[in-house]
Amino acid sequence: MVYSYQVVKFQTISFVQGTHWSQSIGEKGILYKSIKDPFSKIIVQSSNGTKKLYYVPKDRTVVVINNTVHFLGELA
């Protein structure tokens, strides 16, 4: 898999299989860490209404700041 840095303005985010994620609060926003091997999945609905499924590799963090999500991932 080839992962690249993603920055997406979102309307909604769904963390597929909530048990595959750990959540914490950081200085910059809410942090979600992928804890499933080899990857966890998120569905991001962008502000224009399109929904996309992404794979986030294990031990990587998804950062949610206001209405923007930042993460290293791959489009499914």
N, C-alpha and C. Protein backbone atom coordinates (compact mmCIF):
# COMPACT_ATOMS: atom_id res chain seq x y z
N MET A 1 0.83 -1.17 0.00
CA MET A 1 0.00 0.00 0.00
C MET A 1 0.88 1.25 0.00
N VAL A 2 0.39 2.28 -0.65
CA VAL A 2 1.10 3.54 -0.69
C VAL A 2 0.26 4.56 0.07
N TYR A 3 0.77 4.99 1.22
CA TYR A 3 0.05 5.95 2.04
C TYR A 3 0.56 7.36 1.75
N SER A 4 -0.33 8.32 1.75
CA SER A 4 0.06 9.71 1.55
C SER A 4 -0.69 10.57 2.56
N TYR A 5 -0.16 11.76 2.80
CA TYR A 5 -0.75 12.66 3.79
C TYR A 5 -2.04 13.26 3.21
N GLN A 6 -3.13 13.17 3.95
CA GLN A 6 -4.43 13.65 3.52
C GLN A 6 -4.87 14.81 4.41
N VAL A 7 -5.40 15.86 3.81
CA VAL A 7 -6.03 16.96 4.54
C VAL A 7 -7.37 17.19 3.86
N VAL A 8 -8.48 16.94 4.59
CA VAL A 8 -9.81 16.99 3.99
C VAL A 8 -10.73 17.84 4.86
N LYS A 9 -11.41 18.81 4.23
CA LYS A 9 -12.48 19.52 4.94
C LYS A 9 -13.67 18.58 4.94
N PHE A 10 -14.25 18.33 6.11
CA PHE A 10 -15.28 17.31 6.19
C PHE A 10 -16.60 17.86 6.73
N GLN A 11 -17.64 17.10 6.39
CA GLN A 11 -18.97 17.33 6.94
C GLN A 11 -19.21 16.33 8.06
N THR A 12 -18.88 15.06 7.80
CA THR A 12 -18.98 14.00 8.82
C THR A 12 -17.81 13.03 8.65
N ILE A 13 -17.46 12.37 9.77
CA ILE A 13 -16.43 11.33 9.76
C ILE A 13 -17.02 10.12 10.48
N SER A 14 -16.81 8.94 9.93
CA SER A 14 -17.22 7.70 10.59
C SER A 14 -15.98 6.83 10.78
N PHE A 15 -15.72 6.46 12.03
CA PHE A 15 -14.60 5.57 12.33
C PHE A 15 -15.15 4.15 12.32
N VAL A 16 -14.82 3.39 11.27
CA VAL A 16 -15.33 2.04 11.07
C VAL A 16 -14.74 1.16 12.17
N GLN A 17 -15.59 0.35 12.81
CA GLN A 17 -15.18 -0.52 13.92
C GLN A 17 -14.53 0.33 15.00
N GLY A 18 -15.32 1.00 15.80
CA GLY A 18 -14.83 1.88 16.86
C GLY A 18 -13.81 1.25 17.78
N THR A 19 -13.81 -0.09 17.91
CA THR A 19 -12.83 -0.76 18.76
C THR A 19 -11.44 -0.76 18.14
N HIS A 20 -11.31 -0.33 16.89
CA HIS A 20 -10.02 -0.28 16.20
C HIS A 20 -9.33 1.07 16.38
N TRP A 21 -9.88 1.93 17.24
CA TRP A 21 -9.37 3.29 17.42
C TRP A 21 -9.27 3.62 18.90
N SER A 22 -8.25 4.41 19.26
CA SER A 22 -8.19 4.98 20.61
C SER A 22 -8.31 6.50 20.44
N GLN A 23 -8.93 7.16 21.40
CA GLN A 23 -9.21 8.59 21.28
C GLN A 23 -8.54 9.35 22.42
N SER A 24 -8.02 10.54 22.11
CA SER A 24 -7.46 11.42 23.12
C SER A 24 -7.62 12.86 22.67
N ILE A 25 -7.37 13.78 23.59
CA ILE A 25 -7.46 15.21 23.29
C ILE A 25 -6.05 15.77 23.30
N GLY A 26 -5.68 16.50 22.26
CA GLY A 26 -4.37 17.13 22.18
C GLY A 26 -4.51 18.64 22.16
N GLU A 27 -3.38 19.33 22.10
CA GLU A 27 -3.40 20.79 22.07
C GLU A 27 -4.07 21.32 20.81
N LYS A 28 -3.92 20.61 19.71
CA LYS A 28 -4.44 21.10 18.44
C LYS A 28 -5.83 20.58 18.08
N GLY A 29 -6.29 19.54 18.75
CA GLY A 29 -7.60 18.98 18.41
C GLY A 29 -7.80 17.60 19.01
N ILE A 30 -8.76 16.88 18.45
CA ILE A 30 -9.06 15.52 18.90
C ILE A 30 -8.20 14.55 18.09
N LEU A 31 -7.57 13.60 18.79
CA LEU A 31 -6.68 12.64 18.17
C LEU A 31 -7.29 11.25 18.21
N TYR A 32 -7.27 10.55 17.09
CA TYR A 32 -7.73 9.17 17.01
C TYR A 32 -6.56 8.34 16.50
N LYS A 33 -6.15 7.32 17.25
CA LYS A 33 -5.02 6.48 16.85
C LYS A 33 -5.52 5.13 16.36
N SER A 34 -5.02 4.72 15.20
CA SER A 34 -5.35 3.42 14.62
C SER A 34 -4.64 2.34 15.43
N ILE A 35 -5.40 1.36 15.94
CA ILE A 35 -4.79 0.30 16.76
C ILE A 35 -4.98 -1.09 16.17
N LYS A 36 -5.51 -1.17 14.95
CA LYS A 36 -5.71 -2.48 14.31
C LYS A 36 -4.60 -2.73 13.29
N ASP A 37 -4.09 -3.94 13.26
CA ASP A 37 -3.06 -4.34 12.31
C ASP A 37 -3.73 -4.95 11.09
N PRO A 38 -3.43 -4.63 9.84
CA PRO A 38 -2.42 -3.68 9.39
C PRO A 38 -2.94 -2.24 9.28
N PHE A 39 -4.29 -2.05 9.27
CA PHE A 39 -4.84 -0.70 9.16
C PHE A 39 -6.25 -0.65 9.74
N SER A 40 -6.68 0.56 10.05
CA SER A 40 -8.07 0.83 10.44
C SER A 40 -8.71 1.63 9.32
N LYS A 41 -10.04 1.74 9.34
CA LYS A 41 -10.75 2.41 8.25
C LYS A 41 -11.55 3.60 8.77
N ILE A 42 -11.59 4.66 7.95
CA ILE A 42 -12.49 5.78 8.23
C ILE A 42 -13.22 6.15 6.95
N ILE A 43 -14.44 6.64 7.13
CA ILE A 43 -15.22 7.16 6.01
C ILE A 43 -15.35 8.66 6.24
N VAL A 44 -14.92 9.44 5.25
CA VAL A 44 -14.97 10.89 5.35
C VAL A 44 -15.95 11.41 4.31
N GLN A 45 -16.95 12.16 4.78
CA GLN A 45 -17.87 12.84 3.87
C GLN A 45 -17.38 14.28 3.79
N SER A 46 -16.91 14.67 2.61
CA SER A 46 -16.35 16.01 2.45
C SER A 46 -17.46 17.06 2.42
N SER A 47 -17.06 18.32 2.49
CA SER A 47 -18.03 19.40 2.54
C SER A 47 -18.88 19.49 1.27
N ASN A 48 -18.42 18.88 0.16
CA ASN A 48 -19.23 18.88 -1.06
C ASN A 48 -20.17 17.68 -1.13
N GLY A 49 -20.16 16.82 -0.08
CA GLY A 49 -21.12 15.72 0.00
C GLY A 49 -20.61 14.37 -0.44
N THR A 50 -19.42 14.27 -1.02
CA THR A 50 -18.91 12.97 -1.46
C THR A 50 -18.32 12.20 -0.27
N LYS A 51 -18.55 10.88 -0.26
CA LYS A 51 -18.04 10.01 0.81
C LYS A 51 -16.91 9.16 0.25
N LYS A 52 -15.82 9.05 1.04
CA LYS A 52 -14.68 8.23 0.62
C LYS A 52 -14.21 7.40 1.81
N LEU A 53 -13.79 6.16 1.51
CA LEU A 53 -13.24 5.25 2.51
C LEU A 53 -11.72 5.30 2.43
N TYR A 54 -11.08 5.46 3.59
CA TYR A 54 -9.62 5.51 3.66
C TYR A 54 -9.12 4.44 4.61
N TYR A 55 -7.92 3.93 4.32
CA TYR A 55 -7.20 3.03 5.22
C TYR A 55 -6.13 3.85 5.94
N VAL A 56 -6.07 3.72 7.26
CA VAL A 56 -5.05 4.41 8.07
C VAL A 56 -4.19 3.33 8.72
N PRO A 57 -2.86 3.33 8.46
CA PRO A 57 -2.01 2.26 8.99
C PRO A 57 -1.96 2.27 10.51
N LYS A 58 -1.69 1.08 11.07
CA LYS A 58 -1.62 0.91 12.52
C LYS A 58 -0.60 1.89 13.13
N ASP A 59 -0.94 2.40 14.31
CA ASP A 59 -0.11 3.32 15.09
C ASP A 59 0.00 4.72 14.48
N ARG A 60 -0.83 5.04 13.50
CA ARG A 60 -0.88 6.40 12.94
C ARG A 60 -2.07 7.13 13.55
N THR A 61 -1.96 8.46 13.59
CA THR A 61 -2.97 9.28 14.25
C THR A 61 -3.74 10.12 13.24
N VAL A 62 -5.05 10.18 13.45
CA VAL A 62 -5.94 11.07 12.70
C VAL A 62 -6.21 12.26 13.60
N VAL A 63 -5.95 13.47 13.10
CA VAL A 63 -6.15 14.68 13.89
C VAL A 63 -7.35 15.43 13.32
N VAL A 64 -8.31 15.75 14.20
CA VAL A 64 -9.50 16.50 13.80
C VAL A 64 -9.40 17.89 14.41
N ILE A 65 -9.31 18.90 13.55
CA ILE A 65 -9.22 20.29 13.98
C ILE A 65 -10.34 21.05 13.29
N ASN A 66 -11.27 21.57 14.11
CA ASN A 66 -12.45 22.27 13.59
C ASN A 66 -13.16 21.39 12.56
N ASN A 67 -13.20 21.80 11.30
CA ASN A 67 -13.89 21.01 10.27
C ASN A 67 -12.91 20.41 9.26
N THR A 68 -11.66 20.19 9.71
CA THR A 68 -10.64 19.60 8.83
C THR A 68 -10.02 18.39 9.52
N VAL A 69 -9.78 17.34 8.74
CA VAL A 69 -9.15 16.13 9.27
C VAL A 69 -7.81 15.95 8.56
N HIS A 70 -6.76 15.61 9.34
CA HIS A 70 -5.40 15.41 8.85
C HIS A 70 -4.97 13.99 9.21
N PHE A 71 -4.44 13.25 8.23
CA PHE A 71 -3.99 11.88 8.51
C PHE A 71 -3.14 11.35 7.36
N LEU A 72 -2.37 10.30 7.69
CA LEU A 72 -1.64 9.55 6.68
C LEU A 72 -2.53 8.37 6.32
N GLY A 73 -2.89 8.24 5.07
CA GLY A 73 -3.79 7.16 4.68
C GLY A 73 -3.80 6.91 3.20
N GLU A 74 -4.60 5.93 2.83
CA GLU A 74 -4.74 5.57 1.43
C GLU A 74 -6.23 5.43 1.11
N LEU A 75 -6.61 5.96 -0.03
CA LEU A 75 -7.98 5.82 -0.51
C LEU A 75 -8.25 4.36 -0.84
N ALA A 76 -9.33 3.82 -0.33
CA ALA A 76 -9.65 2.39 -0.54
C ALA A 76 -10.15 2.15 -1.95
